Amino acid sequence: MIARLPLAALCAALLVFAACERGQQSVTEEPPVVESPPIAGMYEVTGITTEVTTGSKREISGTVILADNGDKYSASFHLDTVWEGRDGTLPAEVIGKGSGTIEGRMLRGSAETQLVISTIPGIDPAFAYIPRTTTTRLVSKSLTTLAPDGSILILIENSAAAGEIYAPTRTSLQGTRTGAAPIARGGASDVAAPSSKAAE
């Protein structure tokens, strides 16, 4: 003789069975894959440059363009800052290019940099037809971290190139990817130092 379960007990057993089934499904289901944005692209960044010996700080901001090829990368940058000269604090541009290796979402490399200032105190060197002069040449070591959300963090150590005078500095930049790198006329990403901003 088959024992009959009370209706309430039968319902409870069915609920427990359904819950177990849902639990098994949730364990076996894989989380959705979130793709990280490509490394190559244009990044808008802001940050601070700190003089190592004095602790003096100055703001810096602008654009960094990255291109990648296998486990290598190349970069160009155009940044705005200020320069402490004999005539006081002058607007200045930082232009240059760099290269290095890719380790996952981390880039290690070096860069060559030039500071460009206006020959007219107080006038932005990027302003059209303003005479500009290239001053100090720098060499830099950089470590760049690219987050899955498209944000970027760049840590840079700057020192004087051979024959130059420059107090060592550290620069910290952070920002976000704003789009793909611009395409040059030849069809490749334009990763060269912006020649339009060079000294005239």
Protein backbone atom coordinates (compact mmCIF):
# COMPACT_ATOMS: atom_id res chain seq x y z
CA MET A 1 0.00 0.00 0.00
CA ILE A 2 1.43 3.38 -1.05
CA ALA A 3 1.34 6.01 1.64
CA ARG A 4 -0.22 9.23 0.64
CA LEU A 5 1.49 12.47 1.60
CA PRO A 6 -0.63 15.28 2.88
CA LEU A 7 -1.17 17.97 0.25
CA ALA A 8 0.80 20.57 2.25
CA ALA A 9 3.81 18.23 2.56
CA LEU A 10 3.68 17.46 -1.15
CA CYS A 11 3.70 21.17 -2.05
CA ALA A 12 6.61 21.80 0.30
CA ALA A 13 8.58 18.96 -1.29
CA LEU A 14 7.94 20.34 -4.77
CA LEU A 15 9.11 23.83 -3.71
CA VAL A 16 12.33 22.40 -2.25
CA PHE A 17 12.96 20.44 -5.48
CA ALA A 18 12.41 23.55 -7.60
CA ALA A 19 14.75 25.58 -5.41
CA CYS A 20 17.45 22.93 -5.76
CA GLU A 21 17.06 22.97 -9.53
CA ARG A 22 17.43 26.74 -9.61
CA GLY A 23 20.49 26.49 -7.37
CA GLN A 24 22.13 23.98 -9.68
CA GLN A 25 21.41 26.18 -12.70
CA SER A 26 22.90 29.25 -11.02
CA VAL A 27 26.08 27.35 -10.18
CA THR A 28 26.58 26.08 -13.72
CA GLU A 29 25.73 29.36 -15.48
CA GLU A 30 28.84 31.31 -16.56
CA PRO A 31 28.99 35.07 -15.96
CA PRO A 32 28.73 37.23 -19.09
CA VAL A 33 32.05 38.09 -20.72
CA VAL A 34 32.84 41.83 -20.64
CA GLU A 35 35.34 42.80 -23.31
CA SER A 36 37.92 45.45 -22.44
CA PRO A 37 38.30 48.33 -24.90
CA PRO A 38 41.30 48.11 -27.24
CA ILE A 39 44.61 49.57 -26.14
CA ALA A 40 44.98 51.66 -29.28
CA GLY A 41 43.10 54.93 -29.14
CA MET A 42 43.01 58.54 -28.03
CA TYR A 43 43.02 59.38 -24.33
CA GLU A 44 42.26 62.71 -22.65
CA VAL A 45 44.31 63.04 -19.46
CA THR A 46 44.93 65.44 -16.59
CA GLY A 47 47.45 65.34 -13.79
CA ILE A 48 50.28 66.85 -11.80
CA THR A 49 54.03 67.17 -12.38
CA THR A 50 56.05 67.27 -9.15
CA GLU A 51 59.66 68.41 -8.88
CA VAL A 52 61.48 65.72 -6.93
CA THR A 53 63.87 67.93 -4.94
CA THR A 54 61.54 70.82 -4.02
CA GLY A 55 58.08 69.26 -4.13
CA SER A 56 56.87 72.10 -6.38
CA LYS A 57 53.81 71.07 -8.40
CA ARG A 58 52.31 72.19 -11.69
CA GLU A 59 49.18 71.07 -13.51
CA ILE A 60 49.38 69.27 -16.84
CA SER A 61 46.68 68.04 -19.23
CA GLY A 62 46.16 67.07 -22.84
CA THR A 63 46.00 64.16 -25.27
CA VAL A 64 47.84 60.84 -25.47
CA ILE A 65 47.53 58.62 -28.56
CA LEU A 66 48.42 54.92 -28.33
CA ALA A 67 48.95 52.35 -31.08
CA ASP A 68 49.77 48.67 -30.58
CA ASN A 69 51.42 45.98 -32.67
CA GLY A 70 51.58 42.59 -31.00
CA ASP A 71 53.41 42.97 -27.70
CA LYS A 72 54.77 46.43 -28.61
CA TYR A 73 53.21 49.87 -28.43
CA SER A 74 53.99 53.37 -29.67
CA ALA A 75 52.66 56.64 -28.35
CA SER A 76 52.52 60.34 -29.06
CA PHE A 77 51.39 63.08 -26.74
CA HIS A 78 50.54 66.76 -26.69
CA LEU A 79 50.14 68.23 -23.22
CA ASP A 80 49.68 71.72 -21.82
CA THR A 81 51.48 72.90 -18.68
CA VAL A 82 53.53 75.87 -17.41
CA TRP A 83 57.27 76.56 -17.32
CA GLU A 84 59.16 78.48 -14.65
CA GLY A 85 61.53 80.66 -16.64
CA ARG A 86 63.56 83.80 -16.08
CA ASP A 87 60.54 85.83 -17.15
CA GLY A 88 58.26 84.10 -14.67
CA THR A 89 55.66 81.39 -15.17
CA LEU A 90 55.01 80.83 -18.88
CA PRO A 91 52.43 78.67 -20.67
CA ALA A 92 54.15 75.69 -22.24
CA GLU A 93 53.44 72.64 -24.34
CA VAL A 94 54.94 69.20 -23.83
CA ILE A 95 55.21 67.19 -27.06
CA GLY A 96 56.91 63.92 -27.80
CA LYS A 97 56.70 60.26 -28.64
CA GLY A 98 57.41 57.01 -26.86
CA SER A 99 57.43 53.23 -27.23
CA GLY A 100 57.69 50.09 -25.17
CA THR A 101 56.24 46.68 -24.38
CA ILE A 102 52.73 45.48 -23.56
CA GLU A 103 52.18 43.18 -20.57
CA GLY A 104 48.47 42.40 -20.49
CA ARG A 105 46.84 45.76 -19.77
CA MET A 106 50.12 47.34 -18.61
CA LEU A 107 52.58 49.26 -20.79
CA ARG A 108 56.24 49.81 -19.87
CA GLY A 109 58.41 52.09 -21.94
CA SER A 110 60.33 55.28 -22.48
CA ALA A 111 59.75 58.58 -24.24
CA GLU A 112 61.55 61.56 -25.69
CA THR A 113 60.01 64.91 -24.84
CA GLN A 114 60.43 68.58 -25.73
CA LEU A 115 59.08 71.64 -23.96
CA VAL A 116 57.77 74.38 -26.25
CA ILE A 117 57.13 77.87 -24.87
CA SER A 118 55.96 81.14 -26.35
CA THR A 119 58.58 83.82 -26.91
CA ILE A 120 55.98 86.35 -25.77
CA PRO A 121 55.42 86.04 -22.00
CA GLY A 122 51.86 85.25 -21.02
CA ILE A 123 50.75 84.09 -24.49
CA ASP A 124 49.75 80.48 -25.08
CA PRO A 125 52.32 78.87 -27.41
CA ALA A 126 49.50 77.07 -29.25
CA PHE A 127 47.99 80.39 -30.37
CA ALA A 128 48.29 80.89 -34.13
CA TYR A 129 51.28 82.89 -35.45
CA ILE A 130 52.85 83.30 -32.01
CA PRO A 131 56.65 82.76 -32.18
CA ARG A 132 57.63 79.67 -30.21
CA THR A 133 60.88 78.20 -29.07
CA THR A 134 61.83 74.66 -28.13
CA THR A 135 63.60 74.55 -24.78
CA THR A 136 64.59 71.57 -22.67
CA ARG A 137 64.74 68.04 -24.09
CA LEU A 138 63.75 65.31 -21.64
CA VAL A 139 63.94 61.54 -21.42
CA SER A 140 61.23 59.71 -19.53
CA LYS A 141 60.38 56.27 -18.20
CA SER A 142 56.69 55.44 -18.03
CA LEU A 143 54.34 52.83 -16.60
CA THR A 144 50.79 52.86 -17.99
CA THR A 145 47.84 50.90 -16.62
CA LEU A 146 44.67 50.48 -18.70
CA ALA A 147 41.52 49.53 -16.81
CA PRO A 148 38.66 47.46 -18.33
CA ASP A 149 36.36 50.49 -18.10
CA GLY A 150 38.57 52.50 -20.50
CA SER A 151 40.31 54.61 -17.87
CA ILE A 152 44.08 55.10 -17.97
CA LEU A 153 46.76 55.84 -15.36
CA ILE A 154 50.25 56.94 -16.47
CA LEU A 155 53.19 57.33 -14.08
CA ILE A 156 56.25 59.05 -15.57
CA GLU A 157 59.76 59.81 -14.32
CA ASN A 158 61.39 62.70 -16.20
CA SER A 159 65.05 63.68 -16.37
CA ALA A 160 67.24 65.86 -18.57
CA ALA A 161 68.51 64.54 -21.88
CA ALA A 162 72.26 64.60 -22.47
CA GLY A 163 73.58 68.17 -22.37
CA GLU A 164 70.38 69.61 -20.88
CA ILE A 165 69.67 71.12 -17.46
CA TYR A 166 66.42 70.05 -15.82
CA ALA A 167 65.47 69.18 -12.24
CA PRO A 168 64.04 65.62 -12.20
CA THR A 169 60.25 65.41 -11.97
CA ARG A 170 57.50 62.83 -11.60
CA THR A 171 54.26 63.14 -13.54
CA SER A 172 50.99 61.37 -12.75
CA LEU A 173 48.27 61.43 -15.42
CA GLN A 174 44.83 59.88 -15.39
CA GLY A 175 41.95 60.03 -17.83
CA THR A 176 39.70 58.09 -20.17
CA ARG A 177 39.69 56.70 -23.69
CA THR A 178 37.74 59.08 -25.91
CA GLY A 179 37.90 57.16 -29.18
CA ALA A 180 40.04 55.55 -31.83
CA ALA A 181 43.37 57.08 -32.79
CA PRO A 182 43.17 59.51 -35.72
CA ILE A 183 44.02 58.07 -39.12
CA ALA A 184 46.93 59.57 -41.01
CA ARG A 185 46.86 60.17 -44.77
CA GLY A 186 48.87 57.03 -45.34
CA GLY A 187 46.16 54.98 -43.61
CA ALA A 188 48.03 54.22 -40.39
CA SER A 189 47.44 55.62 -36.94
CA ASP A 190 49.20 58.95 -36.49
CA VAL A 191 51.54 58.25 -33.60
CA ALA A 192 54.30 60.69 -34.49
CA ALA A 193 54.99 63.78 -32.40
CA PRO A 194 52.64 66.57 -33.59
CA SER A 195 54.79 68.52 -36.02
CA SER A 196 52.32 71.40 -36.13
CA LYS A 197 53.27 72.23 -32.55
CA ALA A 198 57.01 72.23 -33.10
CA ALA A 199 59.07 75.35 -32.65
CA GLU A 200 58.91 77.85 -35.46
